[in-house]
Protein backbone atom coordinates (compact mmCIF):
# COMPACT_ATOMS: atom_id res chain seq x y z
CA UNK A 1 0.20 -0.22 0.14
CA UNK A 2 1.37 3.44 -0.98
CA UNK A 3 1.34 6.33 1.30
CA UNK A 4 -1.27 7.99 -0.82
CA UNK A 5 -3.57 4.84 -0.46
CA UNK A 6 -2.79 5.07 3.31
CA UNK A 7 -3.50 8.80 3.53
CA UNK A 8 -6.86 8.34 1.64
CA UNK A 9 -7.69 5.48 4.55
CA UNK A 10 -6.66 7.95 7.38
CA UNK A 11 -8.95 10.88 6.23
CA UNK A 12 -11.84 8.18 5.91
CA UNK A 13 -11.26 6.81 9.34
CA UNK A 14 -10.45 3.22 7.95
CA UNK A 15 -6.94 3.81 9.44
CA UNK A 16 -5.94 5.58 12.50
CA UNK A 17 -2.53 7.08 13.85
CA UNK A 18 -2.68 4.77 16.91
CA UNK A 19 -0.26 5.76 19.78
CA UNK A 20 -0.85 3.24 22.26
CA UNK A 21 -3.68 0.95 23.35
CA UNK A 22 -3.76 -1.04 26.52
CA UNK A 23 -6.18 -2.53 29.33
CA UNK A 24 -6.07 -0.84 32.60
CA UNK A 25 -8.13 0.89 35.46
CA UNK A 26 -9.77 4.20 34.30
CA UNK A 27 -8.27 7.04 36.29
CA UNK A 28 -10.49 9.93 36.07
CA UNK A 29 -13.88 11.12 35.91
CA UNK A 30 -17.45 9.38 36.22
CA UNK A 31 -15.76 5.76 35.53
CA UNK A 32 -13.23 6.31 37.96
CA UNK A 33 -11.97 2.76 39.25
CA UNK A 34 -13.40 0.81 36.29
CA UNK A 35 -11.98 -1.71 33.91
CA UNK A 36 -11.48 -0.54 30.49
CA UNK A 37 -9.39 -0.67 27.11
CA UNK A 38 -7.68 2.34 26.17
CA UNK A 39 -7.33 3.33 22.59
CA UNK A 40 -4.83 6.52 22.27
CA UNK A 41 -5.07 8.32 19.14
CA UNK A 42 -2.12 10.29 17.86
CA UNK A 43 -2.85 13.96 16.49
CA UNK A 44 -3.63 16.94 18.18
CA UNK A 45 -3.21 20.80 17.69
CA UNK A 46 -5.00 22.20 20.60
CA UNK A 47 -1.75 22.78 22.13
CA UNK A 48 -2.19 22.56 25.76
CA UNK A 49 1.12 23.76 27.50
CA UNK A 50 0.48 21.70 30.39
CA UNK A 51 -0.51 18.21 28.41
CA UNK A 52 1.28 15.07 29.77
CA UNK A 53 1.08 13.11 26.59
CA UNK A 54 2.83 15.56 24.16
CA UNK A 55 4.24 12.87 22.30
CA UNK A 56 0.69 12.49 20.98
CA UNK A 57 0.34 15.81 19.06
CA UNK A 58 2.35 15.01 16.00
CA UNK A 59 0.38 11.91 13.99
CA UNK A 60 2.98 11.29 11.86
CA UNK A 61 4.91 9.54 15.04
CA UNK A 62 2.42 6.78 15.12
CA UNK A 63 1.70 4.31 12.80
CA UNK A 64 -1.31 4.22 10.74
CA UNK A 65 -3.28 1.08 11.85
CA UNK A 66 -6.48 -0.38 10.28
CA UNK A 67 -9.59 0.60 12.33
CA UNK A 68 -10.57 -3.19 12.56
CA UNK A 69 -7.26 -4.24 14.02
CA UNK A 70 -7.85 -1.95 16.68
CA UNK A 71 -11.24 -3.31 17.67
CA UNK A 72 -9.94 -6.95 17.28
CA UNK A 73 -7.58 -6.30 19.74
CA UNK A 74 -9.71 -4.25 22.11
CA UNK A 75 -12.49 -6.77 22.02
CA UNK A 76 -10.13 -9.39 23.14
CA UNK A 77 -9.75 -7.68 26.50
CA UNK A 78 -12.81 -5.82 27.72
CA UNK A 79 -16.38 -5.10 27.17
CA UNK A 80 -15.46 -1.34 27.45
CA UNK A 81 -13.24 1.21 25.32
CA UNK A 82 -12.32 4.67 26.20
CA UNK A 83 -10.77 6.60 22.88
CA UNK A 84 -8.86 9.38 23.84
CA UNK A 85 -5.43 11.13 22.48
CA UNK A 86 -4.26 13.46 21.51
CA UNK A 87 -7.45 14.59 20.31
CA UNK A 88 -9.28 11.88 18.60
CA UNK A 89 -11.71 13.89 17.12
CA UNK A 90 -9.18 15.10 14.33
CA UNK A 91 -10.19 12.10 12.98
CA UNK A 92 -13.60 10.60 11.61
CA UNK A 93 -14.22 8.31 14.34
CA UNK A 94 -17.43 6.65 12.75
CA UNK A 95 -15.72 3.25 11.13
CA UNK A 96 -13.88 2.98 14.50
CA UNK A 97 -17.37 3.05 16.78
CA UNK A 98 -18.95 0.87 14.16
CA UNK A 99 -16.79 -1.81 14.75
CA UNK A 100 -16.96 -1.65 18.40
CA UNK A 101 -20.68 -1.51 18.25
CA UNK A 102 -20.38 -4.53 16.29
CA UNK A 103 -18.81 -6.22 19.02
CA UNK A 104 -21.31 -5.00 21.70
CA UNK A 105 -18.85 -2.95 23.38
CA UNK A 106 -19.82 0.24 25.79
CA UNK A 107 -17.70 3.04 23.79
CA UNK A 108 -16.31 6.08 25.48
CA UNK A 109 -14.38 9.07 24.06
CA UNK A 110 -12.42 12.19 26.04
CA UNK A 111 -12.30 15.15 23.76
CA UNK A 112 -11.68 18.72 23.88
CA UNK A 113 -14.64 18.91 21.83
CA UNK A 114 -12.72 21.21 19.49
CA UNK A 115 -13.74 19.29 16.20
CA UNK A 116 -16.87 17.97 14.53
CA UNK A 117 -18.62 14.87 16.61
CA UNK A 118 -18.32 12.07 14.98
CA UNK A 119 -19.03 8.29 16.03
CA UNK A 120 -21.60 7.08 18.08
CA UNK A 121 -20.94 6.96 21.64
CA UNK A 122 -22.28 5.59 25.17
CA UNK A 123 -20.32 8.34 27.18
CA UNK A 124 -18.80 11.75 26.12
CA UNK A 125 -16.12 13.35 28.76
CA UNK A 126 -15.70 16.68 27.44
CA UNK A 127 -12.42 18.38 28.94
CA UNK A 128 -12.64 21.74 26.97
CA UNK A 129 -9.34 23.87 26.46
CA UNK A 130 -9.07 27.82 26.17
CA UNK A 131 -6.96 27.25 22.87
CA UNK A 132 -9.62 25.80 21.23
CA UNK A 133 -13.04 25.79 22.68
CA UNK A 134 -15.83 22.93 21.93
CA UNK A 135 -18.25 22.91 19.43
CA UNK A 136 -22.04 23.64 20.08
CA UNK A 137 -22.71 20.04 19.34
CA UNK A 138 -20.16 18.64 22.12
CA UNK A 139 -21.60 20.74 24.75
CA UNK A 140 -24.91 19.43 23.89
CA UNK A 141 -23.82 16.03 23.99
CA UNK A 142 -21.54 15.63 26.85
CA UNK A 143 -22.19 13.35 29.62
CA UNK A 144 -19.55 14.71 31.84
CA UNK A 145 -17.55 17.95 31.91
CA UNK A 146 -14.04 17.67 33.16
CA UNK A 147 -12.31 21.12 33.65
CA UNK A 148 -8.75 21.12 34.41
CA UNK A 149 -7.50 23.38 37.35
CA UNK A 150 -3.74 25.12 36.63
CA UNK A 151 -4.56 28.20 38.10
CA UNK A 152 -7.13 30.41 39.90
CA UNK A 153 -8.22 31.86 36.55
CA UNK A 154 -9.44 28.44 35.52
CA UNK A 155 -12.49 28.44 37.85
CA UNK A 156 -14.02 31.13 36.03
CA UNK A 157 -13.27 29.09 32.70
CA UNK A 158 -15.11 26.35 34.43
CA UNK A 159 -17.80 28.17 35.41
CA UNK A 160 -18.20 29.53 31.68
CA UNK A 161 -18.01 26.22 30.41
CA UNK A 162 -20.63 24.98 32.79
CA UNK A 163 -22.98 27.63 31.47
CA UNK A 164 -22.77 25.97 27.86
CA UNK A 165 -22.92 22.43 28.49
CA UNK A 166 -26.55 20.65 28.75
CA UNK A 167 -27.84 20.48 32.18
CA UNK A 168 -27.69 16.70 32.55
CA UNK A 169 -23.46 16.64 32.27
CA UNK A 170 -22.09 15.88 35.58
CA UNK A 171 -19.40 18.45 36.48
CA UNK A 172 -15.82 17.78 37.40
CA UNK A 173 -12.98 19.80 38.41
CA UNK A 174 -9.49 18.13 38.03
CA UNK A 175 -6.07 19.42 39.32
CA UNK A 176 -3.24 19.43 36.57
CA UNK A 177 -0.88 17.29 38.04
CA UNK A 178 2.27 18.90 38.27
CA UNK A 179 0.57 21.82 40.44
CA UNK A 180 -2.07 19.44 42.51
CA UNK A 181 -0.46 20.06 45.92
CA UNK A 182 -1.12 23.95 45.16
CA UNK A 183 -4.20 23.90 43.52
CA UNK A 184 -5.98 20.99 45.81
CA UNK A 185 -7.02 23.46 48.88
CA UNK A 186 -8.40 25.76 46.35
CA UNK A 187 -10.69 23.07 44.61
CA UNK A 188 -11.64 21.86 47.77
CA UNK A 189 -12.41 24.83 49.12
CA UNK A 190 -14.65 25.74 45.71
CA UNK A 191 -16.53 22.86 45.54
CA UNK A 192 -17.68 23.09 49.22
CA UNK A 193 -19.03 26.26 48.18
CA UNK A 194 -20.50 24.76 44.84
CA UNK A 195 -21.64 21.38 45.43
CA UNK A 196 -23.09 21.07 42.00
CA UNK A 197 -19.22 20.24 40.91
CA UNK A 198 -17.47 17.31 41.89
CA UNK A 199 -13.65 16.41 42.29
CA UNK A 200 -12.03 14.17 39.87
CA UNK A 201 -8.26 13.11 40.31
CA UNK A 202 -5.75 11.12 38.19
CA UNK A 203 -5.94 8.11 40.50
CA UNK A 204 -4.05 6.10 38.11
CA UNK A 205 -1.06 8.23 38.66
CA UNK A 206 -1.30 7.58 42.57
CA UNK A 207 -1.72 3.96 41.40
CA UNK A 208 1.23 4.20 39.52
CA UNK A 209 -0.29 2.14 36.46
CA UNK A 210 -0.74 3.38 32.72
């Protein structure tokens, strides 16, 4: 298969730049503590300076992999899959989620929501970023809103994002890992005053698992 053919299949979502995939415990948000198979797709231009997977940004560094192979491997491990990145919605997710549907899997995504919502999802974790705000559809369809708190200004950003998100979405504040000790007391205080929010922690890092 030549480069043009591969590029064509990637553009259709029939191949995707796969950075890594693995079976582990969900560490963040609503499904914390549950087992799931993670599929991390390469490619992201949102550019958060505190991103802990910057190696995912350049899709050229990750091998184009047939979606059918990704699905086949995931289905051997779990009935729940979490698609993350990078920014998975950089690509058309329809072929990938169709494959997971055929395997009767529960399909979750974590996304900034900055691009068109493609694919069929059972759970959408919307984690908006200031550099590229979510689409209206992402706000409408989100099951949970997870805002990363890096500094005090992020509380106002979180409030603004909550106003745009549908009323059924569960609201989470999560400290950015490198400043967690500094920001955690502020988050605790904020949530005690605003109990419509919950705390999300990167528990997988405390557990020292992927």
